[in-house]
Amino acid sequence: MTDRLIIGITGASGVAYGLRALEALAQTPIETHLVMTKPAEITLASESDRKVADVHALADVVYSPDDIGAAIASGSFQTMGMLVAPCTVRSLSEIATGVTTGLLTRAADVVLKERRRLVLMVRETPVHLGHLRSMTAVSEMGAIVFPPVPAFYQWPASIDEMVDQTVGRVLDLFPIDHDLVRRWGEPQADTGSTVRAFPGRRTRD
């Protein structure tokens, strides 16, 4: 399979997930193809001190969200799949219905029709029945719905560590080698200790 991965960033809160994914992938041979919506640029300004140009610089190829003639809009352009991080409910709904209005959701639709891996980090809570039905629909079509729910068994000391753990688990799904995750039951390279439980909690040997 061609070592290309599409990264979509929408306007949902959680732009850090998309940024961290791009940073991690920059350390691999994988070629990243980025499409970032206009609302995502607004969220970036609210949640980060980085500029849009800084985000673009992390990717190998960048597309305008309105460029429906882009390479990633065609199934003949081979990729490993697509990660949308984060994914708004609007984008989720467009993908679920196949009624796409821009390059990001069109690219996701192409990934599904070509039976490639699509991972949607849907960022919304609480959710109503319509949201759940859209999640069910995309799951039935072959996508993976991956809400960015943090894990705590690795004792995160910062938001950055929580983001790393979540992004690392997403990259596992493609699969892509990385060193972002502190894995349950495995020795950690930094400390030599084994992640098993919270401090003070008794566990079986």
Foldseek 3Di string as FASTA:
>chain_A
DAQEEEEEEEQDAFVVLSQVLLQQCLVDPHAYEYEYAPNRQVNCVVPHPDHPVVSVVSHNHYDYFAPCVDPLLDLVNDYQAYEYGADELVLLQCLLVVPDDTNVSSSNVSCLVNLHEYEYQYEDPDDDPVSVVSQVSVVVSPYHYHHLDFDCLVPDPDVVLRSLQSSQVVCCVSPDDGQSHQDAQDQHPVPRDHRHGDPPDDDDD
